[in-house]
Amino acid sequence: FWQFAKVAKASRHRDKLPAAPFHVARIVAVRHQDCGPCVQTVVNLAKDDGVEAAVITAALVGNVDDLPESLRDVYHFADAVAGRTGDEEAYRERLKKVFGDEAVIELAL
């Protein structure tokens, strides 16, 4: 339990990332887990953090083309990490250029 509690705390850490990319990544990750209540919780947290409804909706339904370019990369990066596809490296480099190294570490959490 205590190990899980540490991981849960780390997954909420956000210092360098703006709200939208942080929450897009969280939405993608919880969708992979197929947990309806978890998805709703993450959506509520995104709304409370001021993320636009259109961004939340696009991330929820997978309409990647409806996201701004930097958020498309966040979506694809999170999808690759959560799906363990091994395709995240190209997105990681592009995200570093937009958000910086520390922000990409936050995304990976």
C-alpha atoms as a PDB file:
ATOM      1  CA  PHE A   1       0.000   0.000   0.000  1.00  0.00           C
ATOM      2  CA  TRP A   2       2.701   2.493   0.939  1.00  0.00           C
ATOM      3  CA  GLN A   3       4.570   1.843  -2.298  1.00  0.00           C
ATOM      4  CA  PHE A   4       1.374   2.497  -4.247  1.00  0.00           C
ATOM      5  CA  ALA A   5       0.782   5.687  -2.252  1.00  0.00           C
ATOM      6  CA  LYS A   6       4.211   6.993  -3.301  1.00  0.00           C
ATOM      7  CA  VAL A   7       3.505   6.299  -6.969  1.00  0.00           C
ATOM      8  CA  ALA A   8       0.067   7.915  -6.747  1.00  0.00           C
ATOM      9  CA  LYS A   9       1.614  11.066  -5.290  1.00  0.00           C
ATOM     10  CA  ALA A  10       4.264  11.166  -8.032  1.00  0.00           C
ATOM     11  CA  SER A  11       1.593  10.859 -10.732  1.00  0.00           C
ATOM     12  CA  ARG A  12       0.011  14.117  -9.519  1.00  0.00           C
ATOM     13  CA  HIS A  13       3.278  16.065  -9.595  1.00  0.00           C
ATOM     14  CA  ARG A  14       3.196  19.047 -11.942  1.00  0.00           C
ATOM     15  CA  ASP A  15       5.660  21.889 -11.751  1.00  0.00           C
ATOM     16  CA  LYS A  16       6.861  22.644 -15.290  1.00  0.00           C
ATOM     17  CA  LEU A  17       3.959  21.503 -17.451  1.00  0.00           C
ATOM     18  CA  PRO A  18       0.966  23.685 -18.267  1.00  0.00           C
ATOM     19  CA  ALA A  19      -2.411  22.239 -17.277  1.00  0.00           C
ATOM     20  CA  ALA A  20      -3.590  21.110 -20.719  1.00  0.00           C
ATOM     21  CA  PRO A  21      -0.705  18.783 -21.635  1.00  0.00           C
ATOM     22  CA  PHE A  22      -0.607  17.375 -18.115  1.00  0.00           C
ATOM     23  CA  HIS A  23      -4.283  16.467 -18.197  1.00  0.00           C
ATOM     24  CA  VAL A  24      -4.292  15.222 -21.790  1.00  0.00           C
ATOM     25  CA  ALA A  25      -1.581  12.733 -20.810  1.00  0.00           C
ATOM     26  CA  ARG A  26      -3.549  11.674 -17.727  1.00  0.00           C
ATOM     27  CA  ILE A  27      -6.739  11.177 -19.746  1.00  0.00           C
ATOM     28  CA  VAL A  28      -4.900   9.020 -22.287  1.00  0.00           C
ATOM     29  CA  ALA A  29      -3.269   6.962 -19.537  1.00  0.00           C
ATOM     30  CA  VAL A  30      -6.473   6.238 -17.615  1.00  0.00           C
ATOM     31  CA  ARG A  31      -8.330   5.406 -20.819  1.00  0.00           C
ATOM     32  CA  HIS A  32      -5.764   2.644 -21.357  1.00  0.00           C
ATOM     33  CA  GLN A  33      -6.705   1.217 -17.977  1.00  0.00           C
ATOM     34  CA  ASP A  34     -10.388   1.139 -18.999  1.00  0.00           C
ATOM     35  CA  CYS A  35     -11.573   2.411 -15.621  1.00  0.00           C
ATOM     36  CA  GLY A  36     -14.726   4.518 -16.092  1.00  0.00           C
ATOM     37  CA  PRO A  37     -14.721   6.104 -12.616  1.00  0.00           C
ATOM     38  CA  CYS A  38     -11.005   6.865 -12.969  1.00  0.00           C
ATOM     39  CA  VAL A  39     -11.575   8.583 -16.311  1.00  0.00           C
ATOM     40  CA  GLN A  40     -14.358  10.677 -14.798  1.00  0.00           C
ATOM     41  CA  THR A  41     -12.114  11.677 -11.901  1.00  0.00           C
ATOM     42  CA  VAL A  42      -9.332  12.777 -14.268  1.00  0.00           C
ATOM     43  CA  VAL A  43     -11.834  14.691 -16.422  1.00  0.00           C
ATOM     44  CA  ASN A  44     -13.149  16.479 -13.327  1.00  0.00           C
ATOM     45  CA  LEU A  45      -9.610  17.376 -12.263  1.00  0.00           C
ATOM     46  CA  ALA A  46      -8.878  18.734 -15.746  1.00  0.00           C
ATOM     47  CA  LYS A  47     -12.023  20.872 -15.657  1.00  0.00           C
ATOM     48  CA  ASP A  48     -11.127  22.145 -12.191  1.00  0.00           C
ATOM     49  CA  ASP A  49      -7.667  23.045 -13.497  1.00  0.00           C
ATOM     50  CA  GLY A  50      -9.151  25.171 -16.296  1.00  0.00           C
ATOM     51  CA  VAL A  51      -8.535  22.895 -19.284  1.00  0.00           C
ATOM     52  CA  GLU A  52     -10.866  23.785 -22.160  1.00  0.00           C
ATOM     53  CA  ALA A  53     -13.819  21.453 -22.668  1.00  0.00           C
ATOM     54  CA  ALA A  54     -12.912  20.972 -26.351  1.00  0.00           C
ATOM     55  CA  VAL A  55      -9.431  19.725 -25.384  1.00  0.00           C
ATOM     56  CA  ILE A  56     -10.870  17.329 -22.798  1.00  0.00           C
ATOM     57  CA  THR A  57     -13.422  15.996 -25.268  1.00  0.00           C
ATOM     58  CA  ALA A  58     -10.859  15.507 -28.032  1.00  0.00           C
ATOM     59  CA  ALA A  59      -8.560  13.593 -25.672  1.00  0.00           C
ATOM     60  CA  LEU A  60     -11.434  11.475 -24.372  1.00  0.00           C
ATOM     61  CA  VAL A  61     -12.726  10.356 -27.738  1.00  0.00           C
ATOM     62  CA  GLY A  62      -9.347  10.208 -29.454  1.00  0.00           C
ATOM     63  CA  ASN A  63      -9.960  13.030 -31.943  1.00  0.00           C
ATOM     64  CA  VAL A  64      -6.296  13.887 -32.079  1.00  0.00           C
ATOM     65  CA  ASP A  65      -6.726  16.191 -35.082  1.00  0.00           C
ATOM     66  CA  ASP A  66      -8.942  18.447 -32.937  1.00  0.00           C
ATOM     67  CA  LEU A  67      -6.043  19.101 -30.539  1.00  0.00           C
ATOM     68  CA  PRO A  68      -3.422  21.840 -31.007  1.00  0.00           C
ATOM     69  CA  GLU A  69      -0.187  20.442 -32.456  1.00  0.00           C
ATOM     70  CA  SER A  70       1.742  20.355 -29.162  1.00  0.00           C
ATOM     71  CA  LEU A  71      -1.139  18.508 -27.508  1.00  0.00           C
ATOM     72  CA  ARG A  72      -1.273  16.034 -30.390  1.00  0.00           C
ATOM     73  CA  ASP A  73       2.312  15.143 -29.586  1.00  0.00           C
ATOM     74  CA  VAL A  74       1.416  14.815 -25.896  1.00  0.00           C
ATOM     75  CA  TYR A  75      -1.480  12.526 -26.804  1.00  0.00           C
ATOM     76  CA  HIS A  76       0.690  10.326 -29.035  1.00  0.00           C
ATOM     77  CA  PHE A  77       3.512  10.239 -26.481  1.00  0.00           C
ATOM     78  CA  ALA A  78       1.180   9.228 -23.640  1.00  0.00           C
ATOM     79  CA  ASP A  79      -0.560   6.694 -25.866  1.00  0.00           C
ATOM     80  CA  ALA A  80       2.771   5.107 -26.822  1.00  0.00           C
ATOM     81  CA  VAL A  81       3.980   4.982 -23.209  1.00  0.00           C
ATOM     82  CA  ALA A  82       0.703   3.614 -21.832  1.00  0.00           C
ATOM     83  CA  GLY A  83       0.384   1.129 -24.677  1.00  0.00           C
ATOM     84  CA  ARG A  84       4.060   0.125 -24.430  1.00  0.00           C
ATOM     85  CA  THR A  85       4.450   0.398 -28.189  1.00  0.00           C
ATOM     86  CA  GLY A  86       8.000   1.739 -28.144  1.00  0.00           C
ATOM     87  CA  ASP A  87       6.983   4.610 -30.430  1.00  0.00           C
ATOM     88  CA  GLU A  88       7.385   7.374 -27.853  1.00  0.00           C
ATOM     89  CA  GLU A  89      10.953   8.460 -28.683  1.00  0.00           C
ATOM     90  CA  ALA A  90      10.106  10.666 -31.663  1.00  0.00           C
ATOM     91  CA  TYR A  91       7.434  12.448 -29.650  1.00  0.00           C
ATOM     92  CA  ARG A  92       9.724  12.782 -26.629  1.00  0.00           C
ATOM     93  CA  GLU A  93      12.256  14.774 -28.638  1.00  0.00           C
ATOM     94  CA  ARG A  94       9.602  17.092 -30.082  1.00  0.00           C
ATOM     95  CA  LEU A  95       8.051  17.608 -26.646  1.00  0.00           C
ATOM     96  CA  LYS A  96      11.434  18.475 -25.150  1.00  0.00           C
ATOM     97  CA  LYS A  97      11.746  21.275 -27.706  1.00  0.00           C
ATOM     98  CA  VAL A  98       8.312  22.661 -26.788  1.00  0.00           C
ATOM     99  CA  PHE A  99       8.142  22.097 -23.020  1.00  0.00           C
ATOM    100  CA  GLY A 100      11.702  21.272 -21.884  1.00  0.00           C
ATOM    101  CA  ASP A 101      13.349  18.211 -20.357  1.00  0.00           C
ATOM    102  CA  GLU A 102      11.796  18.502 -16.900  1.00  0.00           C
ATOM    103  CA  ALA A 103       8.296  18.806 -18.307  1.00  0.00           C
ATOM    104  CA  VAL A 104       8.762  15.633 -20.369  1.00  0.00           C
ATOM    105  CA  ILE A 105       9.820  13.821 -17.200  1.00  0.00           C
ATOM    106  CA  GLU A 106       6.573  14.990 -15.613  1.00  0.00           C
ATOM    107  CA  LEU A 107       4.683  13.642 -18.633  1.00  0.00           C
ATOM    108  CA  ALA A 108       6.365  10.273 -18.258  1.00  0.00           C
ATOM    109  CA  LEU A 109       5.204  10.085 -14.640  1.00  0.00           C
END
